[in-house]
């Protein structure tokens, strides 16, 4: 949704964005035209379904479920000695809306949990995890799970240098944004078995190119950006959008759920509005 899109919709006054971000939308262009963008951040099921996928990828890698299933489907009975999550250390990058439920699941599996945040302030949480500087966490964690928003600070955060600091034999899980990880450097680390495996739901370029070496590595599990794609969450998104539309028409949509409340300063005809 860019300037050209908005020019083609002169009566558009409200965009209901299902989910907590709007990377695909030109905020400045919308604001200039007085178009309000509401976010679906009140959704709660994403805090369940994304962590579930995180542990699906973890278990799939550590128990070698996919390669074993593949051999079984061919008629084999492969020999395998897998690992266990219990007793291993999980390092969470981004201890927020998704990082916290991941930590709770990790504790249920008997894992030790540590975390790193980009900011220095830590909100109160009844589940206490050990906080470490990024390089220390990378060196100590058996599994790294990424739960950061994509920003200029997080883009390329796990570059070649930082990937080299990860504990030998560690596993990387990324259900956040592909651009946070240097993909060519990750491929090298996996090819050289410096990392035991990677579970990836997101990629620098999506759809993932057919020529990507990630598609051929035996120690990788890939899913096509499905972390949030479950029926329950889609239903919740639609319910939230319907509620927000009703609130907008009654001029009661909360400013806290709007990405660009400054758009209301643009004088134009509107059928709805924000809660004063």
C-alpha atoms as a PDB file:
ATOM      1  CA  UNK A   1       0.000   0.000   0.000  1.00  0.00           C
ATOM      2  CA  UNK A   2       1.883   3.004  -1.329  1.00  0.00           C
ATOM      3  CA  UNK A   3       1.057   6.499  -2.598  1.00  0.00           C
ATOM      4  CA  UNK A   4      -0.249   5.110  -5.878  1.00  0.00           C
ATOM      5  CA  UNK A   5      -2.555   2.751  -4.017  1.00  0.00           C
ATOM      6  CA  UNK A   6      -3.906   5.531  -1.798  1.00  0.00           C
ATOM      7  CA  UNK A   7      -4.391   7.863  -4.778  1.00  0.00           C
ATOM      8  CA  UNK A   8      -6.622   5.207  -6.323  1.00  0.00           C
ATOM      9  CA  UNK A   9      -8.762   5.149  -3.150  1.00  0.00           C
ATOM     10  CA  UNK A  10      -9.647   8.816  -2.498  1.00  0.00           C
ATOM     11  CA  UNK A  11     -12.457   7.962  -0.045  1.00  0.00           C
ATOM     12  CA  UNK A  12     -10.314   5.598   2.043  1.00  0.00           C
ATOM     13  CA  UNK A  13     -10.149   6.788   5.659  1.00  0.00           C
ATOM     14  CA  UNK A  14      -9.288   3.683   7.683  1.00  0.00           C
ATOM     15  CA  UNK A  15      -7.038   0.644   7.194  1.00  0.00           C
ATOM     16  CA  UNK A  16      -7.603  -2.252   9.579  1.00  0.00           C
ATOM     17  CA  UNK A  17      -4.312  -4.116   9.745  1.00  0.00           C
ATOM     18  CA  UNK A  18      -4.676  -7.639  11.122  1.00  0.00           C
ATOM     19  CA  UNK A  19      -1.537  -8.159  13.177  1.00  0.00           C
ATOM     20  CA  UNK A  20       0.894  -5.979  15.029  1.00  0.00           C
ATOM     21  CA  UNK A  21       2.917  -4.451  12.193  1.00  0.00           C
ATOM     22  CA  UNK A  22       2.427  -2.735   8.834  1.00  0.00           C
ATOM     23  CA  UNK A  23       5.726  -3.181   6.984  1.00  0.00           C
ATOM     24  CA  UNK A  24       3.909  -3.340   3.652  1.00  0.00           C
ATOM     25  CA  UNK A  25       2.213   0.034   4.140  1.00  0.00           C
ATOM     26  CA  UNK A  26       3.638   3.509   3.498  1.00  0.00           C
ATOM     27  CA  UNK A  27       2.835   5.168   6.806  1.00  0.00           C
ATOM     28  CA  UNK A  28       3.888   8.646   5.677  1.00  0.00           C
ATOM     29  CA  UNK A  29       1.765   8.454   2.532  1.00  0.00           C
ATOM     30  CA  UNK A  30      -1.270   7.315   4.518  1.00  0.00           C
ATOM     31  CA  UNK A  31      -0.811   9.987   7.167  1.00  0.00           C
ATOM     32  CA  UNK A  32      -0.451  12.732   4.541  1.00  0.00           C
ATOM     33  CA  UNK A  33      -3.909  11.804   3.233  1.00  0.00           C
ATOM     34  CA  UNK A  34      -5.456  11.561   6.699  1.00  0.00           C
ATOM     35  CA  UNK A  35      -5.819   7.789   6.491  1.00  0.00           C
ATOM     36  CA  UNK A  36      -5.765   6.108   9.907  1.00  0.00           C
ATOM     37  CA  UNK A  37      -4.044   2.735  10.296  1.00  0.00           C
ATOM     38  CA  UNK A  38      -5.319   0.501  13.096  1.00  0.00           C
ATOM     39  CA  UNK A  39      -3.306  -2.506  14.265  1.00  0.00           C
ATOM     40  CA  UNK A  40      -4.559  -5.818  15.611  1.00  0.00           C
ATOM     41  CA  UNK A  41      -2.223  -5.892  18.567  1.00  0.00           C
ATOM     42  CA  UNK A  42      -4.965  -6.957  20.954  1.00  0.00           C
ATOM     43  CA  UNK A  43      -4.697 -10.445  19.450  1.00  0.00           C
ATOM     44  CA  UNK A  44      -3.583 -13.027  22.002  1.00  0.00           C
ATOM     45  CA  UNK A  45      -3.469 -16.321  20.108  1.00  0.00           C
ATOM     46  CA  UNK A  46      -0.192 -15.391  18.389  1.00  0.00           C
ATOM     47  CA  UNK A  47       1.409 -15.714  21.824  1.00  0.00           C
ATOM     48  CA  UNK A  48       0.441 -19.371  21.701  1.00  0.00           C
ATOM     49  CA  UNK A  49       0.763 -20.471  18.097  1.00  0.00           C
ATOM     50  CA  UNK A  50       4.203 -18.979  17.366  1.00  0.00           C
ATOM     51  CA  UNK A  51       5.822 -20.512  20.491  1.00  0.00           C
ATOM     52  CA  UNK A  52       4.216 -23.833  19.542  1.00  0.00           C
ATOM     53  CA  UNK A  53       5.970 -23.716  16.168  1.00  0.00           C
ATOM     54  CA  UNK A  54       9.248 -22.778  17.872  1.00  0.00           C
ATOM     55  CA  UNK A  55       9.160 -25.985  19.869  1.00  0.00           C
ATOM     56  CA  UNK A  56       7.952 -27.999  16.903  1.00  0.00           C
ATOM     57  CA  UNK A  57      11.103 -26.926  15.069  1.00  0.00           C
ATOM     58  CA  UNK A  58      13.303 -27.531  18.108  1.00  0.00           C
ATOM     59  CA  UNK A  59      11.974 -31.046  18.652  1.00  0.00           C
ATOM     60  CA  UNK A  60      12.065 -31.827  14.942  1.00  0.00           C
ATOM     61  CA  UNK A  61      15.750 -30.953  14.816  1.00  0.00           C
ATOM     62  CA  UNK A  62      16.957 -32.461  18.050  1.00  0.00           C
ATOM     63  CA  UNK A  63      15.066 -35.739  17.480  1.00  0.00           C
ATOM     64  CA  UNK A  64      15.801 -35.738  13.706  1.00  0.00           C
ATOM     65  CA  UNK A  65      12.133 -36.330  12.969  1.00  0.00           C
ATOM     66  CA  UNK A  66      12.129 -35.251   9.318  1.00  0.00           C
ATOM     67  CA  UNK A  67      15.156 -37.259   8.061  1.00  0.00           C
ATOM     68  CA  UNK A  68      13.993 -40.305  10.004  1.00  0.00           C
ATOM     69  CA  UNK A  69      10.474 -40.026   8.588  1.00  0.00           C
ATOM     70  CA  UNK A  70      11.922 -39.687   5.092  1.00  0.00           C
ATOM     71  CA  UNK A  71      13.927 -42.907   5.486  1.00  0.00           C
ATOM     72  CA  UNK A  72      10.935 -44.724   6.989  1.00  0.00           C
ATOM     73  CA  UNK A  73       8.778 -43.706   4.011  1.00  0.00           C
ATOM     74  CA  UNK A  74      11.400 -45.299   1.754  1.00  0.00           C
ATOM     75  CA  UNK A  75      11.073 -48.575   3.645  1.00  0.00           C
ATOM     76  CA  UNK A  76      14.062 -48.156   5.916  1.00  0.00           C
ATOM     77  CA  UNK A  77      14.554 -48.583   9.645  1.00  0.00           C
ATOM     78  CA  UNK A  78      17.327 -46.036  10.279  1.00  0.00           C
ATOM     79  CA  UNK A  79      19.643 -46.073  13.262  1.00  0.00           C
ATOM     80  CA  UNK A  80      19.554 -42.813  15.177  1.00  0.00           C
ATOM     81  CA  UNK A  81      20.518 -41.361  18.522  1.00  0.00           C
ATOM     82  CA  UNK A  82      18.801 -38.050  19.092  1.00  0.00           C
ATOM     83  CA  UNK A  83      19.038 -35.517  21.881  1.00  0.00           C
ATOM     84  CA  UNK A  84      16.800 -34.036  24.543  1.00  0.00           C
ATOM     85  CA  UNK A  85      15.744 -30.478  25.311  1.00  0.00           C
ATOM     86  CA  UNK A  86      15.797 -31.130  29.047  1.00  0.00           C
ATOM     87  CA  UNK A  87      18.902 -29.687  30.677  1.00  0.00           C
ATOM     88  CA  UNK A  88      19.869 -27.625  27.637  1.00  0.00           C
ATOM     89  CA  UNK A  89      20.122 -23.834  27.668  1.00  0.00           C
ATOM     90  CA  UNK A  90      17.768 -21.722  25.581  1.00  0.00           C
ATOM     91  CA  UNK A  91      18.836 -18.197  24.638  1.00  0.00           C
ATOM     92  CA  UNK A  92      15.970 -15.880  23.672  1.00  0.00           C
ATOM     93  CA  UNK A  93      16.671 -12.796  21.578  1.00  0.00           C
ATOM     94  CA  UNK A  94      13.837 -10.423  22.372  1.00  0.00           C
ATOM     95  CA  UNK A  95      12.147 -11.153  25.675  1.00  0.00           C
ATOM     96  CA  UNK A  96       8.764  -9.630  24.937  1.00  0.00           C
ATOM     97  CA  UNK A  97       5.304 -10.605  23.716  1.00  0.00           C
ATOM     98  CA  UNK A  98       6.504 -13.870  22.149  1.00  0.00           C
ATOM     99  CA  UNK A  99       9.800 -14.393  23.960  1.00  0.00           C
ATOM    100  CA  UNK A 100       8.106 -14.734  27.342  1.00  0.00           C
ATOM    101  CA  UNK A 101       5.716 -17.578  26.465  1.00  0.00           C
ATOM    102  CA  UNK A 102       8.627 -19.345  24.755  1.00  0.00           C
ATOM    103  CA  UNK A 103      10.532 -19.092  28.044  1.00  0.00           C
ATOM    104  CA  UNK A 104       7.620 -20.639  29.942  1.00  0.00           C
ATOM    105  CA  UNK A 105       7.391 -23.557  27.531  1.00  0.00           C
ATOM    106  CA  UNK A 106      11.145 -24.037  27.794  1.00  0.00           C
ATOM    107  CA  UNK A 107      10.882 -24.274  31.565  1.00  0.00           C
ATOM    108  CA  UNK A 108       8.183 -26.937  31.190  1.00  0.00           C
ATOM    109  CA  UNK A 109      10.616 -28.927  29.041  1.00  0.00           C
ATOM    110  CA  UNK A 110      13.259 -28.645  31.743  1.00  0.00           C
ATOM    111  CA  UNK A 111      15.432 -26.159  29.872  1.00  0.00           C
ATOM    112  CA  UNK A 112      17.504 -23.380  31.389  1.00  0.00           C
ATOM    113  CA  UNK A 113      16.522 -19.982  29.998  1.00  0.00           C
ATOM    114  CA  UNK A 114      18.488 -16.799  29.385  1.00  0.00           C
ATOM    115  CA  UNK A 115      17.524 -13.721  27.394  1.00  0.00           C
ATOM    116  CA  UNK A 116      18.839 -10.629  25.663  1.00  0.00           C
ATOM    117  CA  UNK A 117      16.911  -7.479  24.722  1.00  0.00           C
ATOM    118  CA  UNK A 118      17.963  -4.568  22.532  1.00  0.00           C
ATOM    119  CA  UNK A 119      16.741  -2.090  25.163  1.00  0.00           C
ATOM    120  CA  UNK A 120      18.112  -1.728  28.657  1.00  0.00           C
ATOM    121  CA  UNK A 121      14.775  -1.455  30.490  1.00  0.00           C
ATOM    122  CA  UNK A 122      13.088  -4.666  31.605  1.00  0.00           C
ATOM    123  CA  UNK A 123       9.424  -4.735  32.522  1.00  0.00           C
ATOM    124  CA  UNK A 124       8.271  -6.703  35.540  1.00  0.00           C
ATOM    125  CA  UNK A 125       7.703 -10.386  34.875  1.00  0.00           C
ATOM    126  CA  UNK A 126       6.888 -13.099  37.383  1.00  0.00           C
ATOM    127  CA  UNK A 127       8.996 -15.591  35.426  1.00  0.00           C
ATOM    128  CA  UNK A 128      12.592 -14.544  35.980  1.00  0.00           C
ATOM    129  CA  UNK A 129      15.192 -15.373  33.355  1.00  0.00           C
ATOM    130  CA  UNK A 130      18.893 -14.686  33.387  1.00  0.00           C
ATOM    131  CA  UNK A 131      19.797 -11.608  31.307  1.00  0.00           C
ATOM    132  CA  UNK A 132      23.112 -11.614  29.477  1.00  0.00           C
ATOM    133  CA  UNK A 133      24.933  -9.437  26.944  1.00  0.00           C
ATOM    134  CA  UNK A 134      24.382 -10.728  23.419  1.00  0.00           C
ATOM    135  CA  UNK A 135      27.849 -12.192  22.837  1.00  0.00           C
ATOM    136  CA  UNK A 136      27.805 -14.038  26.172  1.00  0.00           C
ATOM    137  CA  UNK A 137      24.371 -15.470  25.449  1.00  0.00           C
ATOM    138  CA  UNK A 138      25.444 -16.679  22.004  1.00  0.00           C
ATOM    139  CA  UNK A 139      28.466 -18.426  23.503  1.00  0.00           C
ATOM    140  CA  UNK A 140      26.471 -20.229  26.200  1.00  0.00           C
ATOM    141  CA  UNK A 141      23.125 -21.185  24.634  1.00  0.00           C
ATOM    142  CA  UNK A 142      22.481 -24.609  23.128  1.00  0.00           C
ATOM    143  CA  UNK A 143      19.454 -23.236  21.301  1.00  0.00           C
ATOM    144  CA  UNK A 144      18.895 -19.645  20.126  1.00  0.00           C
ATOM    145  CA  UNK A 145      15.353 -18.484  19.369  1.00  0.00           C
ATOM    146  CA  UNK A 146      14.774 -15.079  17.739  1.00  0.00           C
ATOM    147  CA  UNK A 147      11.793 -12.931  18.745  1.00  0.00           C
ATOM    148  CA  UNK A 148      12.825  -9.417  17.700  1.00  0.00           C
ATOM    149  CA  UNK A 149      10.997  -6.888  15.579  1.00  0.00           C
ATOM    150  CA  UNK A 150      12.719  -6.018  12.328  1.00  0.00           C
ATOM    151  CA  UNK A 151      14.327  -2.590  12.568  1.00  0.00           C
ATOM    152  CA  UNK A 152      17.508  -0.867  11.502  1.00  0.00           C
ATOM    153  CA  UNK A 153      19.072  -2.079  14.757  1.00  0.00           C
ATOM    154  CA  UNK A 154      18.029  -5.718  14.340  1.00  0.00           C
ATOM    155  CA  UNK A 155      18.603  -6.051  10.580  1.00  0.00           C
ATOM    156  CA  UNK A 156      21.671  -8.245  10.107  1.00  0.00           C
ATOM    157  CA  UNK A 157      22.088  -8.594  13.882  1.00  0.00           C
ATOM    158  CA  UNK A 158      23.271 -12.191  13.586  1.00  0.00           C
ATOM    159  CA  UNK A 159      26.004 -11.498  11.073  1.00  0.00           C
ATOM    160  CA  UNK A 160      28.967 -13.707  10.247  1.00  0.00           C
ATOM    161  CA  UNK A 161      30.918 -12.537  13.286  1.00  0.00           C
ATOM    162  CA  UNK A 162      28.092 -13.170  15.742  1.00  0.00           C
ATOM    163  CA  UNK A 163      27.190 -16.514  14.211  1.00  0.00           C
ATOM    164  CA  UNK A 164      30.808 -17.558  14.741  1.00  0.00           C
ATOM    165  CA  UNK A 165      30.387 -16.822  18.461  1.00  0.00           C
ATOM    166  CA  UNK A 166      27.531 -19.284  18.833  1.00  0.00           C
ATOM    167  CA  UNK A 167      28.278 -22.398  20.829  1.00  0.00           C
ATOM    168  CA  UNK A 168      29.559 -25.210  18.568  1.00  0.00           C
ATOM    169  CA  UNK A 169      26.732 -27.645  17.922  1.00  0.00           C
ATOM    170  CA  UNK A 170      24.029 -25.115  18.787  1.00  0.00           C
ATOM    171  CA  UNK A 171      20.651 -24.846  17.059  1.00  0.00           C
ATOM    172  CA  UNK A 172      19.168 -21.621  15.656  1.00  0.00           C
ATOM    173  CA  UNK A 173      15.402 -21.057  15.458  1.00  0.00           C
ATOM    174  CA  UNK A 174      14.030 -18.050  13.580  1.00  0.00           C
ATOM    175  CA  UNK A 175      10.278 -17.386  13.486  1.00  0.00           C
ATOM    176  CA  UNK A 176      10.702 -13.599  13.530  1.00  0.00           C
ATOM    177  CA  UNK A 177      12.151 -11.991  10.376  1.00  0.00           C
ATOM    178  CA  UNK A 178      14.644 -13.478   7.934  1.00  0.00           C
ATOM    179  CA  UNK A 179      16.629 -10.267   7.518  1.00  0.00           C
ATOM    180  CA  UNK A 180      17.790 -10.451  11.148  1.00  0.00           C
ATOM    181  CA  UNK A 181      20.159 -13.280  10.146  1.00  0.00           C
ATOM    182  CA  UNK A 182      22.934 -13.197   7.539  1.00  0.00           C
ATOM    183  CA  UNK A 183      21.699 -16.112   5.416  1.00  0.00           C
ATOM    184  CA  UNK A 184      24.914 -16.825   3.457  1.00  0.00           C
ATOM    185  CA  UNK A 185      26.885 -16.899   6.718  1.00  0.00           C
ATOM    186  CA  UNK A 186      24.263 -19.187   8.269  1.00  0.00           C
ATOM    187  CA  UNK A 187      24.482 -21.555   5.289  1.00  0.00           C
ATOM    188  CA  UNK A 188      28.262 -21.772   5.730  1.00  0.00           C
ATOM    189  CA  UNK A 189      27.935 -22.497   9.454  1.00  0.00           C
ATOM    190  CA  UNK A 190      25.446 -25.285   8.727  1.00  0.00           C
ATOM    191  CA  UNK A 191      27.464 -26.753   5.860  1.00  0.00           C
ATOM    192  CA  UNK A 192      30.563 -26.861   8.047  1.00  0.00           C
ATOM    193  CA  UNK A 193      28.526 -28.344  10.943  1.00  0.00           C
ATOM    194  CA  UNK A 194      29.600 -25.552  13.274  1.00  0.00           C
ATOM    195  CA  UNK A 195      25.886 -25.336  14.020  1.00  0.00           C
ATOM    196  CA  UNK A 196      23.966 -28.572  14.500  1.00  0.00           C
ATOM    197  CA  UNK A 197      20.882 -27.265  12.759  1.00  0.00           C
ATOM    198  CA  UNK A 198      18.450 -24.461  12.033  1.00  0.00           C
ATOM    199  CA  UNK A 199      14.674 -24.260  12.103  1.00  0.00           C
ATOM    200  CA  UNK A 200      13.563 -21.412   9.840  1.00  0.00           C
ATOM    201  CA  UNK A 201      10.071 -20.080   9.228  1.00  0.00           C
ATOM    202  CA  UNK A 202      11.218 -16.750   7.769  1.00  0.00           C
ATOM    203  CA  UNK A 203      13.738 -15.760   5.118  1.00  0.00           C
ATOM    204  CA  UNK A 204      15.497 -12.702   3.726  1.00  0.00           C
ATOM    205  CA  UNK A 205      13.600 -13.145   0.446  1.00  0.00           C
ATOM    206  CA  UNK A 206      10.125 -14.689   0.450  1.00  0.00           C
ATOM    207  CA  UNK A 207       9.109 -16.948  -1.137  1.00  0.00           C
ATOM    208  CA  UNK A 208      12.461 -18.636  -0.582  1.00  0.00           C
ATOM    209  CA  UNK A 209      14.172 -18.952  -4.004  1.00  0.00           C
ATOM    210  CA  UNK A 210      14.248 -22.473  -5.414  1.00  0.00           C
ATOM    211  CA  UNK A 211      18.019 -22.148  -5.780  1.00  0.00           C
ATOM    212  CA  UNK A 212      18.577 -21.408  -2.084  1.00  0.00           C
ATOM    213  CA  UNK A 213      21.105 -23.844  -0.549  1.00  0.00           C
ATOM    214  CA  UNK A 214      18.917 -23.895   2.559  1.00  0.00           C
ATOM    215  CA  UNK A 215      16.566 -26.177   0.618  1.00  0.00           C
ATOM    216  CA  UNK A 216      19.253 -28.854   0.305  1.00  0.00           C
ATOM    217  CA  UNK A 217      20.856 -28.940   3.745  1.00  0.00           C
ATOM    218  CA  UNK A 218      20.095 -32.078   5.785  1.00  0.00           C
ATOM    219  CA  UNK A 219      20.318 -30.235   9.129  1.00  0.00           C
ATOM    220  CA  UNK A 220      17.642 -27.652   8.362  1.00  0.00           C
ATOM    221  CA  UNK A 221      13.871 -27.615   8.882  1.00  0.00           C
ATOM    222  CA  UNK A 222      12.001 -25.116   6.716  1.00  0.00           C
ATOM    223  CA  UNK A 223       8.431 -23.864   6.895  1.00  0.00           C
ATOM    224  CA  UNK A 224       6.894 -21.205   4.589  1.00  0.00           C
ATOM    225  CA  UNK A 225       6.253 -18.381   7.086  1.00  0.00           C
ATOM    226  CA  UNK A 226       3.423 -20.203   8.861  1.00  0.00           C
ATOM    227  CA  UNK A 227       4.158 -19.106  12.436  1.00  0.00           C
ATOM    228  CA  UNK A 228       0.896 -17.173  12.712  1.00  0.00           C
ATOM    229  CA  UNK A 229      -1.117 -19.049  10.085  1.00  0.00           C
ATOM    230  CA  UNK A 230      -3.628 -21.064  12.041  1.00  0.00           C
ATOM    231  CA  UNK A 231      -7.417 -20.915  11.770  1.00  0.00           C
ATOM    232  CA  UNK A 232      -7.892 -19.821  15.372  1.00  0.00           C
ATOM    233  CA  UNK A 233      -5.657 -16.777  14.974  1.00  0.00           C
ATOM    234  CA  UNK A 234      -7.145 -15.744  11.620  1.00  0.00           C
ATOM    235  CA  UNK A 235     -10.603 -15.881  13.197  1.00  0.00           C
ATOM    236  CA  UNK A 236      -9.366 -13.700  16.056  1.00  0.00           C
ATOM    237  CA  UNK A 237      -7.876 -11.171  13.603  1.00  0.00           C
ATOM    238  CA  UNK A 238     -11.208 -10.897  11.788  1.00  0.00           C
ATOM    239  CA  UNK A 239     -13.140 -10.451  15.037  1.00  0.00           C
ATOM    240  CA  UNK A 240     -10.762  -7.680  16.106  1.00  0.00           C
ATOM    241  CA  UNK A 241     -11.067  -5.917  12.743  1.00  0.00           C
ATOM    242  CA  UNK A 242     -14.872  -6.039  12.970  1.00  0.00           C
ATOM    243  CA  UNK A 243     -14.777  -4.651  16.513  1.00  0.00           C
ATOM    244  CA  UNK A 244     -12.388  -1.877  15.510  1.00  0.00           C
ATOM    245  CA  UNK A 245     -14.581  -0.907  12.558  1.00  0.00           C
ATOM    246  CA  UNK A 246     -17.593  -0.627  14.852  1.00  0.00           C
ATOM    247  CA  UNK A 247     -15.572   1.456  17.322  1.00  0.00           C
ATOM    248  CA  UNK A 248     -14.358   3.714  14.495  1.00  0.00           C
ATOM    249  CA  UNK A 249     -17.899   4.321  13.237  1.00  0.00           C
ATOM    250  CA  UNK A 250     -18.935   5.199  16.797  1.00  0.00           C
ATOM    251  CA  UNK A 251     -15.864   7.474  17.112  1.00  0.00           C
ATOM    252  CA  UNK A 252     -14.518   5.327  19.931  1.00  0.00           C
ATOM    253  CA  UNK A 253     -11.486   3.596  18.386  1.00  0.00           C
ATOM    254  CA  UNK A 254      -8.635   3.720  20.919  1.00  0.00           C
ATOM    255  CA  UNK A 255      -5.602   5.787  19.977  1.00  0.00           C
ATOM    256  CA  UNK A 256      -3.444   3.082  21.572  1.00  0.00           C
ATOM    257  CA  UNK A 257      -4.396   0.731  18.724  1.00  0.00           C
ATOM    258  CA  UNK A 258      -3.575   3.202  15.965  1.00  0.00           C
ATOM    259  CA  UNK A 259      -0.191   3.354  14.239  1.00  0.00           C
ATOM    260  CA  UNK A 260      -0.546   6.980  13.113  1.00  0.00           C
ATOM    261  CA  UNK A 261      -2.979   8.980  15.277  1.00  0.00           C
ATOM    262  CA  UNK A 262      -1.393  12.134  13.818  1.00  0.00           C
ATOM    263  CA  UNK A 263      -3.382  11.413  10.641  1.00  0.00           C
ATOM    264  CA  UNK A 264      -6.444  12.798  12.433  1.00  0.00           C
ATOM    265  CA  UNK A 265      -4.880  16.275  12.218  1.00  0.00           C
ATOM    266  CA  UNK A 266      -5.481  16.230   8.449  1.00  0.00           C
ATOM    267  CA  UNK A 267      -8.799  17.887   7.701  1.00  0.00           C
ATOM    268  CA  UNK A 268     -11.066  15.682   5.578  1.00  0.00           C
ATOM    269  CA  UNK A 269     -14.499  14.067   5.575  1.00  0.00           C
ATOM    270  CA  UNK A 270     -14.676  11.022   7.847  1.00  0.00           C
ATOM    271  CA  UNK A 271     -17.472   8.706   8.872  1.00  0.00           C
ATOM    272  CA  UNK A 272     -15.666   7.681  12.036  1.00  0.00           C
ATOM    273  CA  UNK A 273     -13.054   8.742  14.521  1.00  0.00           C
ATOM    274  CA  UNK A 274     -10.915   8.008  17.547  1.00  0.00           C
ATOM    275  CA  UNK A 275     -11.887   7.974  21.185  1.00  0.00           C
ATOM    276  CA  UNK A 276     -11.211  11.518  22.428  1.00  0.00           C
END
